[in-house]
Amino acid sequence: MFKTSNIIRKFIFTILIFTALVFFQKAKAQFAPDYRFPDSTFVYSHSPNKATFYSAVLPGLGQIYNKKYWKVPIIYAGFGGLIYYVNYNNSIYSKYKDAYAIKLRIEKGELGLEDPYPKRSSENLKSGKDTWRRYRDLSIIGVGLLYVLQILDANVDAHLFNYDVSNDLSFKIEPTLINEYNYSIPNTSTSLGLKCSINF
């Protein structure tokens, strides 16, 4: 039977290490100046370090810093759904676990115990216990993955915060006349061509 308890412990340990590294690397940068003065001009600089740090401290805070407010309810809806399934799967797992333990004690001859699932064998209960434990552990992994993804999302959005996506960006292709010079013969010829231009 596939066991996931060791995997879960390793995954949680990895998440903790990742979070600690984020705090260590980004804490210094959270108070870095947000403004630069190139050519004596006051320019706002959006900080990916701050966005990453904020999302590591509190999920969704980096998205607020990036002014992507619409992402916050999606993030918390995801966390809410995954946490619900963690609790639900854990409750079913606990029932199978307790029933399996009682079944084993009854099979050993212990009296005065009430079998909650008298029509099921111990092997069937053990299989159900392992299945629902796996579901619970996968839900916990999902919570960890969502936590990491929302940090990466905040970091990427912060890097693209000042990226120009206005209507001034354009790419044009148009026909043009090209003058061709022949240095061996004092003559100039004209041919038709294409001109590509990018405005930004």
C-alpha atoms as a PDB file:
ATOM      1  CA  MET A   1       0.000   0.000   0.000  1.00  0.00           C
ATOM      2  CA  PHE A   2       1.286   3.415  -0.992  1.00  0.00           C
ATOM      3  CA  LYS A   3       2.383   5.399   2.035  1.00  0.00           C
ATOM      4  CA  THR A   4       2.431   9.172   1.939  1.00  0.00           C
ATOM      5  CA  SER A   5       3.264  10.136   5.514  1.00  0.00           C
ATOM      6  CA  ASN A   6       7.003  10.379   4.792  1.00  0.00           C
ATOM      7  CA  ILE A   7       6.307  12.321   1.599  1.00  0.00           C
ATOM      8  CA  ILE A   8       4.110  14.768   3.502  1.00  0.00           C
ATOM      9  CA  ARG A   9       6.759  15.333   6.153  1.00  0.00           C
ATOM     10  CA  LYS A  10       9.399  15.954   3.486  1.00  0.00           C
ATOM     11  CA  PHE A  11       7.074  18.264   1.557  1.00  0.00           C
ATOM     12  CA  ILE A  12       6.179  20.314   4.635  1.00  0.00           C
ATOM     13  CA  PHE A  13       9.859  20.507   5.553  1.00  0.00           C
ATOM     14  CA  THR A  14      10.632  21.760   2.027  1.00  0.00           C
ATOM     15  CA  ILE A  15       7.895  24.405   2.295  1.00  0.00           C
ATOM     16  CA  LEU A  16       9.301  25.570   5.635  1.00  0.00           C
ATOM     17  CA  ILE A  17      12.814  25.795   4.200  1.00  0.00           C
ATOM     18  CA  PHE A  18      11.498  27.705   1.182  1.00  0.00           C
ATOM     19  CA  THR A  19       9.609  30.135   3.416  1.00  0.00           C
ATOM     20  CA  ALA A  20      12.653  30.645   5.623  1.00  0.00           C
ATOM     21  CA  LEU A  21      14.816  31.390   2.578  1.00  0.00           C
ATOM     22  CA  VAL A  22      12.233  33.859   1.289  1.00  0.00           C
ATOM     23  CA  PHE A  23      12.215  35.659   4.628  1.00  0.00           C
ATOM     24  CA  PHE A  24      15.991  35.659   4.819  1.00  0.00           C
ATOM     25  CA  GLN A  25      16.547  36.893   1.274  1.00  0.00           C
ATOM     26  CA  LYS A  26      13.664  39.330   1.035  1.00  0.00           C
ATOM     27  CA  ALA A  27      13.521  40.821   4.527  1.00  0.00           C
ATOM     28  CA  LYS A  28      16.503  43.049   3.787  1.00  0.00           C
ATOM     29  CA  ALA A  29      14.909  44.236   0.579  1.00  0.00           C
ATOM     30  CA  GLN A  30      11.528  45.185   2.050  1.00  0.00           C
ATOM     31  CA  PHE A  31      12.895  48.525   3.183  1.00  0.00           C
ATOM     32  CA  ALA A  32      14.872  49.152   0.019  1.00  0.00           C
ATOM     33  CA  PRO A  33      14.059  52.511  -1.579  1.00  0.00           C
ATOM     34  CA  ASP A  34      11.139  52.471  -3.940  1.00  0.00           C
ATOM     35  CA  TYR A  35      12.343  55.527  -5.813  1.00  0.00           C
ATOM     36  CA  ARG A  36      15.278  56.290  -8.083  1.00  0.00           C
ATOM     37  CA  PHE A  37      16.422  59.638  -9.405  1.00  0.00           C
ATOM     38  CA  PRO A  38      17.820  59.166 -12.911  1.00  0.00           C
ATOM     39  CA  ASP A  39      18.662  62.537 -14.447  1.00  0.00           C
ATOM     40  CA  SER A  40      17.105  64.335 -11.442  1.00  0.00           C
ATOM     41  CA  THR A  41      13.675  62.875 -12.319  1.00  0.00           C
ATOM     42  CA  PHE A  42      11.476  61.342  -9.636  1.00  0.00           C
ATOM     43  CA  VAL A  43      10.592  57.808 -10.847  1.00  0.00           C
ATOM     44  CA  TYR A  44       8.603  55.160  -8.985  1.00  0.00           C
ATOM     45  CA  SER A  45      10.179  51.710  -8.959  1.00  0.00           C
ATOM     46  CA  HIS A  46       7.877  48.779  -8.193  1.00  0.00           C
ATOM     47  CA  SER A  47       9.763  46.214  -6.084  1.00  0.00           C
ATOM     48  CA  PRO A  48       9.440  42.467  -6.890  1.00  0.00           C
ATOM     49  CA  ASN A  49      11.279  41.790  -3.626  1.00  0.00           C
ATOM     50  CA  LYS A  50       8.540  43.472  -1.627  1.00  0.00           C
ATOM     51  CA  ALA A  51       5.777  41.692  -3.545  1.00  0.00           C
ATOM     52  CA  THR A  52       7.440  38.332  -2.888  1.00  0.00           C
ATOM     53  CA  PHE A  53       8.003  39.105   0.788  1.00  0.00           C
ATOM     54  CA  TYR A  54       4.437  40.304   1.325  1.00  0.00           C
ATOM     55  CA  SER A  55       2.945  37.169  -0.266  1.00  0.00           C
ATOM     56  CA  ALA A  56       5.231  34.978   1.839  1.00  0.00           C
ATOM     57  CA  VAL A  57       4.080  36.742   5.014  1.00  0.00           C
ATOM     58  CA  LEU A  58       0.376  36.775   4.101  1.00  0.00           C
ATOM     59  CA  PRO A  59      -1.068  35.114   0.973  1.00  0.00           C
ATOM     60  CA  GLY A  60      -2.659  37.703  -1.297  1.00  0.00           C
ATOM     61  CA  LEU A  61      -0.793  40.657   0.192  1.00  0.00           C
ATOM     62  CA  GLY A  62       1.684  40.694  -2.689  1.00  0.00           C
ATOM     63  CA  GLN A  63      -1.208  40.783  -5.161  1.00  0.00           C
ATOM     64  CA  ILE A  64      -2.629  43.789  -3.300  1.00  0.00           C
ATOM     65  CA  TYR A  65       0.781  45.462  -3.508  1.00  0.00           C
ATOM     66  CA  ASN A  66       0.748  44.783  -7.266  1.00  0.00           C
ATOM     67  CA  LYS A  67      -2.792  46.240  -7.439  1.00  0.00           C
ATOM     68  CA  LYS A  68      -4.165  42.946  -8.754  1.00  0.00           C
ATOM     69  CA  TYR A  69      -7.007  43.012  -6.260  1.00  0.00           C
ATOM     70  CA  TRP A  70      -9.201  40.615  -8.251  1.00  0.00           C
ATOM     71  CA  LYS A  71      -6.746  37.777  -7.590  1.00  0.00           C
ATOM     72  CA  VAL A  72      -7.136  37.925  -3.799  1.00  0.00           C
ATOM     73  CA  PRO A  73     -10.623  36.311  -3.572  1.00  0.00           C
ATOM     74  CA  ILE A  74      -9.488  33.615  -6.029  1.00  0.00           C
ATOM     75  CA  ILE A  75      -6.487  32.803  -3.842  1.00  0.00           C
ATOM     76  CA  TYR A  76      -8.552  32.598  -0.670  1.00  0.00           C
ATOM     77  CA  ALA A  77     -11.288  30.608  -2.400  1.00  0.00           C
ATOM     78  CA  GLY A  78      -8.586  28.130  -3.394  1.00  0.00           C
ATOM     79  CA  PHE A  79      -7.234  27.951   0.139  1.00  0.00           C
ATOM     80  CA  GLY A  80     -10.751  27.612   1.539  1.00  0.00           C
ATOM     81  CA  GLY A  81     -11.616  24.741  -0.785  1.00  0.00           C
ATOM     82  CA  LEU A  82      -8.376  22.882  -0.158  1.00  0.00           C
ATOM     83  CA  ILE A  83      -8.578  23.323   3.619  1.00  0.00           C
ATOM     84  CA  TYR A  84     -12.177  22.085   3.521  1.00  0.00           C
ATOM     85  CA  TYR A  85     -11.041  18.911   1.744  1.00  0.00           C
ATOM     86  CA  VAL A  86      -8.175  18.498   4.198  1.00  0.00           C
ATOM     87  CA  ASN A  87     -10.665  18.504   7.074  1.00  0.00           C
ATOM     88  CA  TYR A  88     -13.221  16.361   5.246  1.00  0.00           C
ATOM     89  CA  ASN A  89     -10.706  13.727   4.157  1.00  0.00           C
ATOM     90  CA  ASN A  90      -9.134  13.711   7.610  1.00  0.00           C
ATOM     91  CA  SER A  91     -12.525  13.124   9.274  1.00  0.00           C
ATOM     92  CA  ILE A  92     -13.246  10.116   7.026  1.00  0.00           C
ATOM     93  CA  TYR A  93      -9.715   8.838   7.556  1.00  0.00           C
ATOM     94  CA  SER A  94     -10.153   9.097  11.335  1.00  0.00           C
ATOM     95  CA  LYS A  95     -13.383   7.060  11.176  1.00  0.00           C
ATOM     96  CA  TYR A  96     -11.714   4.289   9.185  1.00  0.00           C
ATOM     97  CA  LYS A  97      -8.668   4.392  11.454  1.00  0.00           C
ATOM     98  CA  ASP A  98     -10.752   4.020  14.622  1.00  0.00           C
ATOM     99  CA  ALA A  99     -12.948   1.326  13.066  1.00  0.00           C
ATOM    100  CA  TYR A 100      -9.874  -0.614  11.923  1.00  0.00           C
ATOM    101  CA  ALA A 101      -8.351  -0.439  15.404  1.00  0.00           C
ATOM    102  CA  ILE A 102     -11.607  -1.708  16.965  1.00  0.00           C
ATOM    103  CA  LYS A 103     -11.892  -4.478  14.381  1.00  0.00           C
ATOM    104  CA  LEU A 104      -8.390  -5.724  15.208  1.00  0.00           C
ATOM    105  CA  ARG A 105      -9.170  -5.752  18.943  1.00  0.00           C
ATOM    106  CA  ILE A 106     -12.399  -7.697  18.323  1.00  0.00           C
ATOM    107  CA  GLU A 107     -10.541 -10.216  16.126  1.00  0.00           C
ATOM    108  CA  LYS A 108      -8.085 -10.720  18.982  1.00  0.00           C
ATOM    109  CA  GLY A 109     -11.002 -11.737  21.220  1.00  0.00           C
ATOM    110  CA  GLU A 110     -11.535  -8.569  23.230  1.00  0.00           C
ATOM    111  CA  LEU A 111     -15.092  -8.321  24.554  1.00  0.00           C
ATOM    112  CA  GLY A 112     -17.415  -5.399  25.147  1.00  0.00           C
ATOM    113  CA  LEU A 113     -16.562  -3.563  21.928  1.00  0.00           C
ATOM    114  CA  GLU A 114     -19.099  -2.406  19.348  1.00  0.00           C
ATOM    115  CA  ASP A 115     -18.056  -2.918  15.757  1.00  0.00           C
ATOM    116  CA  PRO A 116     -19.084   0.195  13.755  1.00  0.00           C
ATOM    117  CA  TYR A 117     -18.737  -1.728  10.467  1.00  0.00           C
ATOM    118  CA  PRO A 118     -19.642  -5.344  11.201  1.00  0.00           C
ATOM    119  CA  LYS A 119     -20.056  -6.264   7.522  1.00  0.00           C
ATOM    120  CA  ARG A 120     -16.559  -5.124   6.587  1.00  0.00           C
ATOM    121  CA  SER A 121     -13.347  -7.058   7.040  1.00  0.00           C
ATOM    122  CA  SER A 122     -10.233  -5.671   8.657  1.00  0.00           C
ATOM    123  CA  GLU A 123      -8.480  -5.641   5.289  1.00  0.00           C
ATOM    124  CA  ASN A 124     -11.312  -3.611   3.773  1.00  0.00           C
ATOM    125  CA  LEU A 125     -11.132  -1.102   6.633  1.00  0.00           C
ATOM    126  CA  LYS A 126      -7.349  -0.872   6.332  1.00  0.00           C
ATOM    127  CA  SER A 127      -7.659  -0.179   2.611  1.00  0.00           C
ATOM    128  CA  GLY A 128     -10.210   2.572   3.271  1.00  0.00           C
ATOM    129  CA  LYS A 129      -8.008   4.065   5.989  1.00  0.00           C
ATOM    130  CA  ASP A 130      -4.989   4.211   3.685  1.00  0.00           C
ATOM    131  CA  THR A 131      -7.041   5.629   0.801  1.00  0.00           C
ATOM    132  CA  TRP A 132      -8.526   8.500   2.806  1.00  0.00           C
ATOM    133  CA  ARG A 133      -5.178   9.249   4.436  1.00  0.00           C
ATOM    134  CA  ARG A 134      -3.716   9.592   0.955  1.00  0.00           C
ATOM    135  CA  TYR A 135      -6.547  11.943  -0.059  1.00  0.00           C
ATOM    136  CA  ARG A 136      -5.919  14.047   3.041  1.00  0.00           C
ATOM    137  CA  ASP A 137      -2.182  14.195   2.389  1.00  0.00           C
ATOM    138  CA  LEU A 138      -2.711  15.193  -1.250  1.00  0.00           C
ATOM    139  CA  SER A 139      -5.002  18.006  -0.088  1.00  0.00           C
ATOM    140  CA  ILE A 140      -2.263  19.217   2.262  1.00  0.00           C
ATOM    141  CA  ILE A 141       0.195  19.158  -0.640  1.00  0.00           C
ATOM    142  CA  GLY A 142      -2.312  21.207  -2.645  1.00  0.00           C
ATOM    143  CA  VAL A 143      -2.362  23.860   0.097  1.00  0.00           C
ATOM    144  CA  GLY A 144       1.436  24.040   0.001  1.00  0.00           C
ATOM    145  CA  LEU A 145       1.521  24.274  -3.790  1.00  0.00           C
ATOM    146  CA  LEU A 146      -1.061  27.058  -3.812  1.00  0.00           C
ATOM    147  CA  TYR A 147       0.999  28.949  -1.233  1.00  0.00           C
ATOM    148  CA  VAL A 148       4.113  28.704  -3.419  1.00  0.00           C
ATOM    149  CA  LEU A 149       2.227  29.564  -6.626  1.00  0.00           C
ATOM    150  CA  GLN A 150       0.710  32.746  -5.206  1.00  0.00           C
ATOM    151  CA  ILE A 151       4.213  33.871  -4.159  1.00  0.00           C
ATOM    152  CA  LEU A 152       5.543  33.218  -7.677  1.00  0.00           C
ATOM    153  CA  ASP A 153       2.521  34.992  -9.160  1.00  0.00           C
ATOM    154  CA  ALA A 154       3.189  38.092  -7.049  1.00  0.00           C
ATOM    155  CA  ASN A 155       6.843  38.077  -8.064  1.00  0.00           C
ATOM    156  CA  VAL A 156       6.083  37.790 -11.800  1.00  0.00           C
ATOM    157  CA  ASP A 157       3.375  40.480 -11.664  1.00  0.00           C
ATOM    158  CA  ALA A 158       5.771  42.816  -9.866  1.00  0.00           C
ATOM    159  CA  HIS A 159       8.417  42.338 -12.567  1.00  0.00           C
ATOM    160  CA  LEU A 160       5.811  43.173 -15.237  1.00  0.00           C
ATOM    161  CA  PHE A 161       4.253  46.047 -13.266  1.00  0.00           C
ATOM    162  CA  ASN A 162       6.005  48.809 -15.239  1.00  0.00           C
ATOM    163  CA  TYR A 163       5.912  46.970 -18.554  1.00  0.00           C
ATOM    164  CA  ASP A 164       4.369  49.185 -21.216  1.00  0.00           C
ATOM    165  CA  VAL A 165       1.312  47.569 -22.763  1.00  0.00           C
ATOM    166  CA  SER A 166      -0.291  50.804 -23.979  1.00  0.00           C
ATOM    167  CA  ASN A 167      -1.740  51.442 -27.415  1.00  0.00           C
ATOM    168  CA  ASP A 168       1.496  53.185 -28.424  1.00  0.00           C
ATOM    169  CA  LEU A 169       3.071  49.785 -28.972  1.00  0.00           C
ATOM    170  CA  SER A 170       2.679  48.863 -32.631  1.00  0.00           C
ATOM    171  CA  PHE A 171       4.256  46.769 -35.333  1.00  0.00           C
ATOM    172  CA  LYS A 172       3.763  47.844 -38.949  1.00  0.00           C
ATOM    173  CA  ILE A 173       4.657  46.295 -42.294  1.00  0.00           C
ATOM    174  CA  GLU A 174       4.199  48.455 -45.372  1.00  0.00           C
ATOM    175  CA  PRO A 175       5.477  48.519 -48.948  1.00  0.00           C
ATOM    176  CA  THR A 176       8.331  50.881 -49.827  1.00  0.00           C
ATOM    177  CA  LEU A 177      10.701  51.756 -52.667  1.00  0.00           C
ATOM    178  CA  ILE A 178      14.347  50.766 -52.217  1.00  0.00           C
ATOM    179  CA  ASN A 179      17.089  52.615 -54.067  1.00  0.00           C
ATOM    180  CA  GLU A 180      19.861  50.286 -55.221  1.00  0.00           C
ATOM    181  CA  TYR A 181      23.250  51.791 -56.043  1.00  0.00           C
ATOM    182  CA  ASN A 182      25.617  50.113 -58.474  1.00  0.00           C
ATOM    183  CA  TYR A 183      29.132  51.426 -57.805  1.00  0.00           C
ATOM    184  CA  SER A 184      30.654  49.843 -60.912  1.00  0.00           C
ATOM    185  CA  ILE A 185      28.158  51.589 -63.140  1.00  0.00           C
ATOM    186  CA  PRO A 186      27.097  55.141 -62.281  1.00  0.00           C
ATOM    187  CA  ASN A 187      23.455  54.252 -62.169  1.00  0.00           C
ATOM    188  CA  THR A 188      20.735  53.941 -59.550  1.00  0.00           C
ATOM    189  CA  SER A 189      17.814  51.515 -59.780  1.00  0.00           C
ATOM    190  CA  THR A 190      14.649  51.334 -57.715  1.00  0.00           C
ATOM    191  CA  SER A 191      12.927  48.170 -56.542  1.00  0.00           C
ATOM    192  CA  LEU A 192       9.867  47.380 -54.474  1.00  0.00           C
ATOM    193  CA  GLY A 193      10.313  46.087 -50.901  1.00  0.00           C
ATOM    194  CA  LEU A 194       8.736  45.884 -47.474  1.00  0.00           C
ATOM    195  CA  LYS A 195       9.469  48.147 -44.500  1.00  0.00           C
ATOM    196  CA  CYS A 196       8.984  46.892 -40.924  1.00  0.00           C
ATOM    197  CA  SER A 197       8.669  49.414 -38.111  1.00  0.00           C
ATOM    198  CA  ILE A 198       8.110  49.103 -34.354  1.00  0.00           C
ATOM    199  CA  ASN A 199       6.798  52.026 -32.329  1.00  0.00           C
ATOM    200  CA  PHE A 200       7.177  52.030 -28.540  1.00  0.00           C
END
